[in-house]
């Protein structure tokens, strides 16, 4: 099964992997974002703080961390310990701050085996049962999944093959950055090299590759967990399009958020009222990626230029 990833994209590269409308919107978003650089430092710093909290909350919540978004913010920004919440949940939040700093450094160079182990060590520091920075030494099974990860004896060899593919093979060089990031994420989770923390490491790796090409930090949201896992299952069966388009929608949301910091944003509820639409309907369009919109601190927002486009329609 793992060998499928090596050839999967080369075989499919002849046909569009990202939905054409979504791809055009992403490429236009990157172009516009680059044209607006340098962004206002004060606005950018505030947006970055908010997005880091969103990222850490969601990446941990997907794996069962019980801290709410507000509690995650308190732990990260105020250093508060939340009564009744496990120590591990606090460690997972704090650890991710350090991991994100390292990830930013990695976006500027090739990724080595040491780097993957270091990311895992940073994410799982203080959680001995996860064996921070070490490959697993036993066979594991993924609850609710038909995919069986390879035996532990094969993990180092498979990671070596994965990194050779990632760091400049013909297959990886031919891909759109979003395609590369999405499939690298799926490839690493299929190997499942660690006893715990595989998803968190894979999502950080995905962001390393995206940041390398000028994309902002991209959040995979807890409420889309079922769709996310289903897309990964499809990748394990040799079908890359679901995970690629899932990641592409998340990238589109992050670009929308950054561009909105320049052009201005409206809460979706305000936009719906002005457009004479129901909030539920506009929310469905946003969640399905039919309009440019993004979520921040639990609320959906729409950029003012997208609002104007809808208004004219």
C-alpha atoms as a PDB file:
ATOM      1  CA  UNK A   1       0.000   0.000   0.000  1.00  0.00           C
ATOM      2  CA  UNK A   2       2.725   2.524   0.967  1.00  0.00           C
ATOM      3  CA  UNK A   3       4.344   2.200  -2.463  1.00  0.00           C
ATOM      4  CA  UNK A   4       1.123   3.579  -3.985  1.00  0.00           C
ATOM      5  CA  UNK A   5       2.038   7.051  -2.754  1.00  0.00           C
ATOM      6  CA  UNK A   6       5.253   7.049  -4.746  1.00  0.00           C
ATOM      7  CA  UNK A   7       3.419   6.655  -8.054  1.00  0.00           C
ATOM      8  CA  UNK A   8      -0.046   7.920  -7.213  1.00  0.00           C
ATOM      9  CA  UNK A   9       0.469  11.531  -8.217  1.00  0.00           C
ATOM     10  CA  UNK A  10       2.610  10.915 -11.272  1.00  0.00           C
ATOM     11  CA  UNK A  11      -0.202   8.745 -12.662  1.00  0.00           C
ATOM     12  CA  UNK A  12      -2.882  11.328 -11.848  1.00  0.00           C
ATOM     13  CA  UNK A  13      -0.940  14.478 -12.760  1.00  0.00           C
ATOM     14  CA  UNK A  14      -2.298  14.364 -16.305  1.00  0.00           C
ATOM     15  CA  UNK A  15      -5.774  15.275 -15.008  1.00  0.00           C
ATOM     16  CA  UNK A  16      -6.691  18.184 -12.681  1.00  0.00           C
ATOM     17  CA  UNK A  17      -6.432  17.139  -9.026  1.00  0.00           C
ATOM     18  CA  UNK A  18      -7.699  20.372  -7.450  1.00  0.00           C
ATOM     19  CA  UNK A  19     -11.172  21.428  -8.589  1.00  0.00           C
ATOM     20  CA  UNK A  20     -10.524  24.093 -11.290  1.00  0.00           C
ATOM     21  CA  UNK A  21     -12.593  26.849  -9.623  1.00  0.00           C
ATOM     22  CA  UNK A  22     -10.918  26.244  -6.267  1.00  0.00           C
ATOM     23  CA  UNK A  23      -7.454  26.137  -7.806  1.00  0.00           C
ATOM     24  CA  UNK A  24      -8.049  29.422  -9.657  1.00  0.00           C
ATOM     25  CA  UNK A  25      -9.270  31.060  -6.443  1.00  0.00           C
ATOM     26  CA  UNK A  26      -6.221  29.843  -4.488  1.00  0.00           C
ATOM     27  CA  UNK A  27      -3.770  31.024  -7.131  1.00  0.00           C
ATOM     28  CA  UNK A  28      -5.501  34.397  -7.362  1.00  0.00           C
ATOM     29  CA  UNK A  29      -5.430  34.631  -3.552  1.00  0.00           C
ATOM     30  CA  UNK A  30      -1.678  33.971  -3.372  1.00  0.00           C
ATOM     31  CA  UNK A  31      -1.062  36.490  -6.151  1.00  0.00           C
ATOM     32  CA  UNK A  32      -3.132  39.146  -4.373  1.00  0.00           C
ATOM     33  CA  UNK A  33      -1.519  38.406  -1.002  1.00  0.00           C
ATOM     34  CA  UNK A  34       1.974  38.776  -2.484  1.00  0.00           C
ATOM     35  CA  UNK A  35       0.967  42.045  -4.144  1.00  0.00           C
ATOM     36  CA  UNK A  36      -0.149  43.420  -0.754  1.00  0.00           C
ATOM     37  CA  UNK A  37       3.117  42.574   1.013  1.00  0.00           C
ATOM     38  CA  UNK A  38       4.418  43.850   3.320  1.00  0.00           C
ATOM     39  CA  UNK A  39       1.186  43.629   5.284  1.00  0.00           C
ATOM     40  CA  UNK A  40       0.487  46.058   8.123  1.00  0.00           C
ATOM     41  CA  UNK A  41       2.783  44.780  10.930  1.00  0.00           C
ATOM     42  CA  UNK A  42       0.313  45.504  13.733  1.00  0.00           C
ATOM     43  CA  UNK A  43      -2.644  43.882  11.958  1.00  0.00           C
ATOM     44  CA  UNK A  44      -0.465  40.946  10.896  1.00  0.00           C
ATOM     45  CA  UNK A  45       0.784  40.317  14.449  1.00  0.00           C
ATOM     46  CA  UNK A  46      -2.786  40.283  15.795  1.00  0.00           C
ATOM     47  CA  UNK A  47      -3.987  37.973  13.025  1.00  0.00           C
ATOM     48  CA  UNK A  48      -1.041  35.655  13.563  1.00  0.00           C
ATOM     49  CA  UNK A  49      -1.770  35.353  17.315  1.00  0.00           C
ATOM     50  CA  UNK A  50      -5.411  34.500  16.613  1.00  0.00           C
ATOM     51  CA  UNK A  51      -4.531  31.988  13.907  1.00  0.00           C
ATOM     52  CA  UNK A  52      -1.936  30.217  16.067  1.00  0.00           C
ATOM     53  CA  UNK A  53      -4.531  29.700  18.806  1.00  0.00           C
ATOM     54  CA  UNK A  54      -7.038  28.446  16.193  1.00  0.00           C
ATOM     55  CA  UNK A  55      -4.462  26.058  14.779  1.00  0.00           C
ATOM     56  CA  UNK A  56      -3.359  24.636  18.125  1.00  0.00           C
ATOM     57  CA  UNK A  57      -6.914  24.247  19.398  1.00  0.00           C
ATOM     58  CA  UNK A  58      -8.106  22.437  16.265  1.00  0.00           C
ATOM     59  CA  UNK A  59      -5.101  20.178  15.668  1.00  0.00           C
ATOM     60  CA  UNK A  60      -5.291  18.939  19.271  1.00  0.00           C
ATOM     61  CA  UNK A  61      -9.105  18.730  19.408  1.00  0.00           C
ATOM     62  CA  UNK A  62      -9.084  16.436  16.353  1.00  0.00           C
ATOM     63  CA  UNK A  63      -7.063  13.986  18.469  1.00  0.00           C
ATOM     64  CA  UNK A  64      -9.307  14.232  21.540  1.00  0.00           C
ATOM     65  CA  UNK A  65      -7.832  17.126  23.524  1.00  0.00           C
ATOM     66  CA  UNK A  66     -10.631  18.512  25.742  1.00  0.00           C
ATOM     67  CA  UNK A  67      -9.535  22.170  25.988  1.00  0.00           C
ATOM     68  CA  UNK A  68     -12.016  24.565  24.378  1.00  0.00           C
ATOM     69  CA  UNK A  69     -10.861  27.342  22.061  1.00  0.00           C
ATOM     70  CA  UNK A  70     -11.133  29.874  24.904  1.00  0.00           C
ATOM     71  CA  UNK A  71      -9.288  27.577  27.332  1.00  0.00           C
ATOM     72  CA  UNK A  72      -6.543  27.012  24.766  1.00  0.00           C
ATOM     73  CA  UNK A  73      -6.113  30.776  24.460  1.00  0.00           C
ATOM     74  CA  UNK A  74      -5.876  31.155  28.249  1.00  0.00           C
ATOM     75  CA  UNK A  75      -3.283  28.382  28.499  1.00  0.00           C
ATOM     76  CA  UNK A  76      -1.164  29.838  25.688  1.00  0.00           C
ATOM     77  CA  UNK A  77      -1.451  33.560  26.348  1.00  0.00           C
ATOM     78  CA  UNK A  78      -2.015  33.767  30.103  1.00  0.00           C
ATOM     79  CA  UNK A  79      -0.259  30.599  31.268  1.00  0.00           C
ATOM     80  CA  UNK A  80      -3.396  29.594  33.184  1.00  0.00           C
ATOM     81  CA  UNK A  81      -4.046  26.009  34.266  1.00  0.00           C
ATOM     82  CA  UNK A  82      -7.654  24.998  33.616  1.00  0.00           C
ATOM     83  CA  UNK A  83      -9.228  23.259  36.605  1.00  0.00           C
ATOM     84  CA  UNK A  84     -10.491  19.771  35.875  1.00  0.00           C
ATOM     85  CA  UNK A  85      -8.576  19.406  32.611  1.00  0.00           C
ATOM     86  CA  UNK A  86      -5.777  16.810  32.255  1.00  0.00           C
ATOM     87  CA  UNK A  87      -2.126  17.867  32.448  1.00  0.00           C
ATOM     88  CA  UNK A  88      -1.574  16.222  29.073  1.00  0.00           C
ATOM     89  CA  UNK A  89      -4.089  18.570  27.425  1.00  0.00           C
ATOM     90  CA  UNK A  90      -2.144  21.576  28.729  1.00  0.00           C
ATOM     91  CA  UNK A  91       1.184  20.105  27.578  1.00  0.00           C
ATOM     92  CA  UNK A  92      -0.162  19.445  24.090  1.00  0.00           C
ATOM     93  CA  UNK A  93      -1.201  23.088  23.766  1.00  0.00           C
ATOM     94  CA  UNK A  94       2.057  24.563  25.087  1.00  0.00           C
ATOM     95  CA  UNK A  95       4.214  22.120  23.135  1.00  0.00           C
ATOM     96  CA  UNK A  96       2.695  23.236  19.863  1.00  0.00           C
ATOM     97  CA  UNK A  97       3.949  26.787  20.327  1.00  0.00           C
ATOM     98  CA  UNK A  98       7.524  25.482  20.316  1.00  0.00           C
ATOM     99  CA  UNK A  99       6.803  23.132  17.418  1.00  0.00           C
ATOM    100  CA  UNK A 100       5.405  25.992  15.303  1.00  0.00           C
ATOM    101  CA  UNK A 101       8.594  28.034  15.814  1.00  0.00           C
ATOM    102  CA  UNK A 102      10.658  25.110  14.549  1.00  0.00           C
ATOM    103  CA  UNK A 103       8.303  24.560  11.619  1.00  0.00           C
ATOM    104  CA  UNK A 104       8.839  28.144  10.432  1.00  0.00           C
ATOM    105  CA  UNK A 105      12.585  27.504  10.344  1.00  0.00           C
ATOM    106  CA  UNK A 106      12.088  24.275   8.358  1.00  0.00           C
ATOM    107  CA  UNK A 107      10.044  26.039   5.678  1.00  0.00           C
ATOM    108  CA  UNK A 108      13.326  27.508   4.426  1.00  0.00           C
ATOM    109  CA  UNK A 109      15.262  24.253   3.903  1.00  0.00           C
ATOM    110  CA  UNK A 110      15.052  20.560   3.056  1.00  0.00           C
ATOM    111  CA  UNK A 111      13.406  18.245   5.577  1.00  0.00           C
ATOM    112  CA  UNK A 112      15.594  15.549   7.137  1.00  0.00           C
ATOM    113  CA  UNK A 113      14.752  12.501   9.222  1.00  0.00           C
ATOM    114  CA  UNK A 114      16.133  14.374  12.235  1.00  0.00           C
ATOM    115  CA  UNK A 115      13.567  17.114  11.638  1.00  0.00           C
ATOM    116  CA  UNK A 116      10.592  14.732  11.702  1.00  0.00           C
ATOM    117  CA  UNK A 117      11.864  13.221  14.951  1.00  0.00           C
ATOM    118  CA  UNK A 118      12.471  16.713  16.394  1.00  0.00           C
ATOM    119  CA  UNK A 119       8.937  17.841  15.488  1.00  0.00           C
ATOM    120  CA  UNK A 120       7.518  14.769  17.218  1.00  0.00           C
ATOM    121  CA  UNK A 121       9.727  15.416  20.260  1.00  0.00           C
ATOM    122  CA  UNK A 122       8.519  19.020  20.496  1.00  0.00           C
ATOM    123  CA  UNK A 123       4.839  18.065  20.107  1.00  0.00           C
ATOM    124  CA  UNK A 124       4.995  15.254  22.679  1.00  0.00           C
ATOM    125  CA  UNK A 125       7.433  16.710  25.254  1.00  0.00           C
ATOM    126  CA  UNK A 126       6.570  15.662  28.795  1.00  0.00           C
ATOM    127  CA  UNK A 127       4.288  12.830  27.626  1.00  0.00           C
ATOM    128  CA  UNK A 128       6.534   9.769  28.149  1.00  0.00           C
ATOM    129  CA  UNK A 129       3.942   7.226  26.988  1.00  0.00           C
ATOM    130  CA  UNK A 130       4.119   8.819  23.520  1.00  0.00           C
ATOM    131  CA  UNK A 131       7.926   8.262  23.386  1.00  0.00           C
ATOM    132  CA  UNK A 132       8.774  11.771  22.128  1.00  0.00           C
ATOM    133  CA  UNK A 133      11.184  11.772  19.210  1.00  0.00           C
ATOM    134  CA  UNK A 134      11.205   7.992  18.759  1.00  0.00           C
ATOM    135  CA  UNK A 135       9.705   5.685  16.168  1.00  0.00           C
ATOM    136  CA  UNK A 136       7.176   3.159  17.405  1.00  0.00           C
ATOM    137  CA  UNK A 137       8.453  -0.300  18.340  1.00  0.00           C
ATOM    138  CA  UNK A 138       5.213  -2.220  17.997  1.00  0.00           C
ATOM    139  CA  UNK A 139       2.484  -2.911  15.482  1.00  0.00           C
ATOM    140  CA  UNK A 140      -0.390  -0.437  15.747  1.00  0.00           C
ATOM    141  CA  UNK A 141      -3.944  -0.360  14.449  1.00  0.00           C
ATOM    142  CA  UNK A 142      -6.092   2.683  13.726  1.00  0.00           C
ATOM    143  CA  UNK A 143      -9.555   2.573  15.278  1.00  0.00           C
ATOM    144  CA  UNK A 144     -12.333   2.813  12.719  1.00  0.00           C
ATOM    145  CA  UNK A 145      -9.933   2.494   9.753  1.00  0.00           C
ATOM    146  CA  UNK A 146      -9.363  -0.403   7.367  1.00  0.00           C
ATOM    147  CA  UNK A 147      -5.754   0.730   6.854  1.00  0.00           C
ATOM    148  CA  UNK A 148      -3.142  -1.279   8.780  1.00  0.00           C
ATOM    149  CA  UNK A 149       0.147   0.627   9.187  1.00  0.00           C
ATOM    150  CA  UNK A 150       3.357  -1.219   8.263  1.00  0.00           C
ATOM    151  CA  UNK A 151       5.254  -3.197  10.904  1.00  0.00           C
ATOM    152  CA  UNK A 152       7.682  -1.179  13.057  1.00  0.00           C
ATOM    153  CA  UNK A 153      10.742  -2.830  11.513  1.00  0.00           C
ATOM    154  CA  UNK A 154       9.883  -1.187   8.172  1.00  0.00           C
ATOM    155  CA  UNK A 155       9.329   2.342   9.501  1.00  0.00           C
ATOM    156  CA  UNK A 156      12.923   3.722   9.160  1.00  0.00           C
ATOM    157  CA  UNK A 157      13.220   2.418   5.587  1.00  0.00           C
ATOM    158  CA  UNK A 158       9.816   3.813   4.629  1.00  0.00           C
ATOM    159  CA  UNK A 159      10.622   7.209   6.137  1.00  0.00           C
ATOM    160  CA  UNK A 160      13.844   7.279   4.097  1.00  0.00           C
ATOM    161  CA  UNK A 161      11.851   6.521   0.928  1.00  0.00           C
ATOM    162  CA  UNK A 162       9.280   9.158   1.866  1.00  0.00           C
ATOM    163  CA  UNK A 163      11.939  11.855   2.347  1.00  0.00           C
ATOM    164  CA  UNK A 164      13.636  10.999  -0.954  1.00  0.00           C
ATOM    165  CA  UNK A 165      10.251  11.392  -2.655  1.00  0.00           C
ATOM    166  CA  UNK A 166       9.555  14.643  -0.809  1.00  0.00           C
ATOM    167  CA  UNK A 167      12.928  16.289  -1.342  1.00  0.00           C
ATOM    168  CA  UNK A 168      13.008  16.675  -5.082  1.00  0.00           C
ATOM    169  CA  UNK A 169      11.869  13.596  -6.986  1.00  0.00           C
ATOM    170  CA  UNK A 170      10.272  14.159 -10.371  1.00  0.00           C
ATOM    171  CA  UNK A 171       6.866  13.270  -8.917  1.00  0.00           C
ATOM    172  CA  UNK A 172       6.978  15.862  -6.153  1.00  0.00           C
ATOM    173  CA  UNK A 173       8.460  18.602  -8.359  1.00  0.00           C
ATOM    174  CA  UNK A 174       5.594  18.313 -10.849  1.00  0.00           C
ATOM    175  CA  UNK A 175       2.927  18.973  -8.242  1.00  0.00           C
ATOM    176  CA  UNK A 176       1.088  22.135  -7.282  1.00  0.00           C
ATOM    177  CA  UNK A 177       2.247  23.123  -3.748  1.00  0.00           C
ATOM    178  CA  UNK A 178      -1.187  22.321  -2.288  1.00  0.00           C
ATOM    179  CA  UNK A 179      -1.151  18.883  -3.942  1.00  0.00           C
ATOM    180  CA  UNK A 180       2.325  18.198  -2.585  1.00  0.00           C
ATOM    181  CA  UNK A 181       1.406  19.291   0.954  1.00  0.00           C
ATOM    182  CA  UNK A 182      -1.798  17.236   1.001  1.00  0.00           C
ATOM    183  CA  UNK A 183      -0.260  14.018  -0.291  1.00  0.00           C
ATOM    184  CA  UNK A 184       2.858  14.342   1.874  1.00  0.00           C
ATOM    185  CA  UNK A 185       0.471  14.592   4.846  1.00  0.00           C
ATOM    186  CA  UNK A 186      -1.422  11.464   3.745  1.00  0.00           C
ATOM    187  CA  UNK A 187       1.789   9.571   2.932  1.00  0.00           C
ATOM    188  CA  UNK A 188       3.273  10.208   6.392  1.00  0.00           C
ATOM    189  CA  UNK A 189       0.079   9.241   8.231  1.00  0.00           C
ATOM    190  CA  UNK A 190      -0.063   6.020   6.204  1.00  0.00           C
ATOM    191  CA  UNK A 191       3.398   5.082   7.477  1.00  0.00           C
ATOM    192  CA  UNK A 192       2.227   6.036  10.992  1.00  0.00           C
ATOM    193  CA  UNK A 193       5.816   6.178  12.287  1.00  0.00           C
ATOM    194  CA  UNK A 194       5.048   7.140  15.895  1.00  0.00           C
ATOM    195  CA  UNK A 195       3.132   5.536  18.700  1.00  0.00           C
ATOM    196  CA  UNK A 196       1.092   8.739  19.137  1.00  0.00           C
ATOM    197  CA  UNK A 197       1.020  12.188  17.548  1.00  0.00           C
ATOM    198  CA  UNK A 198       1.157  11.099  13.897  1.00  0.00           C
ATOM    199  CA  UNK A 199      -1.688  13.365  12.778  1.00  0.00           C
ATOM    200  CA  UNK A 200      -0.249  16.378  14.570  1.00  0.00           C
ATOM    201  CA  UNK A 201       3.188  15.861  13.010  1.00  0.00           C
ATOM    202  CA  UNK A 202       1.636  15.343   9.565  1.00  0.00           C
ATOM    203  CA  UNK A 203      -0.394  18.568   9.812  1.00  0.00           C
ATOM    204  CA  UNK A 204       2.747  20.482  10.799  1.00  0.00           C
ATOM    205  CA  UNK A 205       4.619  18.934   7.867  1.00  0.00           C
ATOM    206  CA  UNK A 206       1.777  19.996   5.579  1.00  0.00           C
ATOM    207  CA  UNK A 207       2.201  23.578   6.802  1.00  0.00           C
ATOM    208  CA  UNK A 208       5.981  23.505   6.346  1.00  0.00           C
ATOM    209  CA  UNK A 209       5.448  22.741   2.663  1.00  0.00           C
ATOM    210  CA  UNK A 210       2.712  25.344   2.267  1.00  0.00           C
ATOM    211  CA  UNK A 211       4.725  28.093   3.991  1.00  0.00           C
ATOM    212  CA  UNK A 212       7.671  27.266   1.736  1.00  0.00           C
ATOM    213  CA  UNK A 213       5.583  28.488  -1.196  1.00  0.00           C
ATOM    214  CA  UNK A 214       4.213  31.585   0.531  1.00  0.00           C
ATOM    215  CA  UNK A 215       0.922  30.211   1.883  1.00  0.00           C
ATOM    216  CA  UNK A 216      -0.273  31.220   5.383  1.00  0.00           C
ATOM    217  CA  UNK A 217      -0.705  28.816   8.289  1.00  0.00           C
ATOM    218  CA  UNK A 218      -3.566  26.485   7.345  1.00  0.00           C
ATOM    219  CA  UNK A 219      -6.007  25.041   9.875  1.00  0.00           C
ATOM    220  CA  UNK A 220      -7.829  21.713   9.562  1.00  0.00           C
ATOM    221  CA  UNK A 221     -10.905  22.193  11.711  1.00  0.00           C
ATOM    222  CA  UNK A 222     -12.262  19.830  14.333  1.00  0.00           C
ATOM    223  CA  UNK A 223     -15.826  19.996  12.985  1.00  0.00           C
ATOM    224  CA  UNK A 224     -14.586  18.552   9.683  1.00  0.00           C
ATOM    225  CA  UNK A 225     -12.882  15.594  11.330  1.00  0.00           C
ATOM    226  CA  UNK A 226     -15.173  12.987   9.782  1.00  0.00           C
ATOM    227  CA  UNK A 227     -14.659  14.337   6.257  1.00  0.00           C
ATOM    228  CA  UNK A 228     -10.913  14.624   6.934  1.00  0.00           C
ATOM    229  CA  UNK A 229     -10.561  11.002   8.058  1.00  0.00           C
ATOM    230  CA  UNK A 230     -12.645   9.799   5.137  1.00  0.00           C
ATOM    231  CA  UNK A 231     -10.364  11.678   2.705  1.00  0.00           C
ATOM    232  CA  UNK A 232      -7.294  10.055   4.302  1.00  0.00           C
ATOM    233  CA  UNK A 233      -8.934   6.638   3.931  1.00  0.00           C
ATOM    234  CA  UNK A 234      -9.477   7.350   0.240  1.00  0.00           C
ATOM    235  CA  UNK A 235      -5.792   8.249  -0.124  1.00  0.00           C
ATOM    236  CA  UNK A 236      -4.844   4.924   1.467  1.00  0.00           C
ATOM    237  CA  UNK A 237      -6.898   3.255  -1.269  1.00  0.00           C
ATOM    238  CA  UNK A 238      -5.020   5.138  -3.991  1.00  0.00           C
ATOM    239  CA  UNK A 239      -7.418   8.048  -4.574  1.00  0.00           C
ATOM    240  CA  UNK A 240      -5.703  11.363  -3.934  1.00  0.00           C
ATOM    241  CA  UNK A 241      -8.357  13.869  -5.031  1.00  0.00           C
ATOM    242  CA  UNK A 242     -10.455  13.875  -1.805  1.00  0.00           C
ATOM    243  CA  UNK A 243      -7.552  14.743   0.536  1.00  0.00           C
ATOM    244  CA  UNK A 244      -6.100  17.235  -1.962  1.00  0.00           C
ATOM    245  CA  UNK A 245      -9.376  19.112  -2.319  1.00  0.00           C
ATOM    246  CA  UNK A 246     -10.033  18.935   1.426  1.00  0.00           C
ATOM    247  CA  UNK A 247      -6.673  20.594   2.110  1.00  0.00           C
ATOM    248  CA  UNK A 248      -7.218  23.046  -0.761  1.00  0.00           C
ATOM    249  CA  UNK A 249     -10.441  24.310   0.858  1.00  0.00           C
ATOM    250  CA  UNK A 250      -8.582  24.817   4.153  1.00  0.00           C
ATOM    251  CA  UNK A 251      -5.836  26.717   2.316  1.00  0.00           C
ATOM    252  CA  UNK A 252      -8.472  28.872   0.607  1.00  0.00           C
ATOM    253  CA  UNK A 253      -9.938  29.770   4.022  1.00  0.00           C
ATOM    254  CA  UNK A 254      -6.548  30.847   5.375  1.00  0.00           C
ATOM    255  CA  UNK A 255      -5.847  32.964   2.299  1.00  0.00           C
ATOM    256  CA  UNK A 256      -9.283  34.534   2.680  1.00  0.00           C
ATOM    257  CA  UNK A 257      -8.507  35.411   6.288  1.00  0.00           C
ATOM    258  CA  UNK A 258      -5.200  37.077   5.407  1.00  0.00           C
ATOM    259  CA  UNK A 259      -6.666  38.978   2.460  1.00  0.00           C
ATOM    260  CA  UNK A 260      -9.592  40.011   4.662  1.00  0.00           C
ATOM    261  CA  UNK A 261      -7.140  41.656   7.042  1.00  0.00           C
ATOM    262  CA  UNK A 262      -6.275  43.965   4.129  1.00  0.00           C
ATOM    263  CA  UNK A 263      -9.677  44.495   2.495  1.00  0.00           C
ATOM    264  CA  UNK A 264     -11.881  44.203   5.600  1.00  0.00           C
ATOM    265  CA  UNK A 265     -14.228  41.430   6.779  1.00  0.00           C
ATOM    266  CA  UNK A 266     -17.921  41.172   7.627  1.00  0.00           C
ATOM    267  CA  UNK A 267     -19.465  38.646  10.030  1.00  0.00           C
ATOM    268  CA  UNK A 268     -21.500  36.206   7.965  1.00  0.00           C
ATOM    269  CA  UNK A 269     -24.632  37.100   9.938  1.00  0.00           C
ATOM    270  CA  UNK A 270     -24.258  40.770   8.945  1.00  0.00           C
ATOM    271  CA  UNK A 271     -23.582  39.864   5.320  1.00  0.00           C
ATOM    272  CA  UNK A 272     -26.633  37.576   5.209  1.00  0.00           C
ATOM    273  CA  UNK A 273     -28.892  40.325   6.531  1.00  0.00           C
ATOM    274  CA  UNK A 274     -27.606  42.860   4.012  1.00  0.00           C
ATOM    275  CA  UNK A 275     -28.004  40.359   1.166  1.00  0.00           C
ATOM    276  CA  UNK A 276     -31.482  39.292   2.233  1.00  0.00           C
ATOM    277  CA  UNK A 277     -30.362  35.683   2.680  1.00  0.00           C
ATOM    278  CA  UNK A 278     -30.645  33.326   5.639  1.00  0.00           C
ATOM    279  CA  UNK A 279     -27.500  32.860   7.717  1.00  0.00           C
ATOM    280  CA  UNK A 280     -27.889  29.070   7.402  1.00  0.00           C
ATOM    281  CA  UNK A 281     -27.911  29.225   3.606  1.00  0.00           C
ATOM    282  CA  UNK A 282     -24.891  31.525   3.417  1.00  0.00           C
ATOM    283  CA  UNK A 283     -23.137  29.318   5.999  1.00  0.00           C
ATOM    284  CA  UNK A 284     -23.726  26.248   3.828  1.00  0.00           C
ATOM    285  CA  UNK A 285     -22.186  28.024   0.846  1.00  0.00           C
ATOM    286  CA  UNK A 286     -19.181  28.931   3.008  1.00  0.00           C
ATOM    287  CA  UNK A 287     -18.682  25.427   4.440  1.00  0.00           C
ATOM    288  CA  UNK A 288     -18.908  23.827   0.990  1.00  0.00           C
ATOM    289  CA  UNK A 289     -16.418  26.287  -0.478  1.00  0.00           C
ATOM    290  CA  UNK A 290     -18.820  27.921  -2.924  1.00  0.00           C
ATOM    291  CA  UNK A 291     -17.992  31.381  -1.606  1.00  0.00           C
ATOM    292  CA  UNK A 292     -14.822  32.826  -0.109  1.00  0.00           C
ATOM    293  CA  UNK A 293     -15.307  32.817   3.640  1.00  0.00           C
ATOM    294  CA  UNK A 294     -13.361  31.823   6.733  1.00  0.00           C
ATOM    295  CA  UNK A 295     -13.882  31.007  10.381  1.00  0.00           C
ATOM    296  CA  UNK A 296     -12.173  32.775  13.258  1.00  0.00           C
ATOM    297  CA  UNK A 297     -12.852  32.470  16.994  1.00  0.00           C
ATOM    298  CA  UNK A 298     -15.937  30.382  16.305  1.00  0.00           C
ATOM    299  CA  UNK A 299     -17.560  32.845  13.850  1.00  0.00           C
ATOM    300  CA  UNK A 300     -17.714  32.860  10.050  1.00  0.00           C
ATOM    301  CA  UNK A 301     -16.547  35.973   8.179  1.00  0.00           C
ATOM    302  CA  UNK A 302     -16.695  37.032   4.547  1.00  0.00           C
ATOM    303  CA  UNK A 303     -14.270  39.503   2.914  1.00  0.00           C
ATOM    304  CA  UNK A 304     -15.871  42.763   1.853  1.00  0.00           C
ATOM    305  CA  UNK A 305     -14.874  42.272  -1.786  1.00  0.00           C
ATOM    306  CA  UNK A 306     -16.583  38.850  -1.815  1.00  0.00           C
ATOM    307  CA  UNK A 307     -19.641  40.448  -0.221  1.00  0.00           C
ATOM    308  CA  UNK A 308     -19.695  43.049  -3.001  1.00  0.00           C
ATOM    309  CA  UNK A 309     -19.467  40.299  -5.619  1.00  0.00           C
ATOM    310  CA  UNK A 310     -22.453  38.492  -4.101  1.00  0.00           C
ATOM    311  CA  UNK A 311     -24.399  41.719  -3.767  1.00  0.00           C
ATOM    312  CA  UNK A 312     -23.943  42.487  -7.461  1.00  0.00           C
ATOM    313  CA  UNK A 313     -25.092  38.980  -8.386  1.00  0.00           C
END
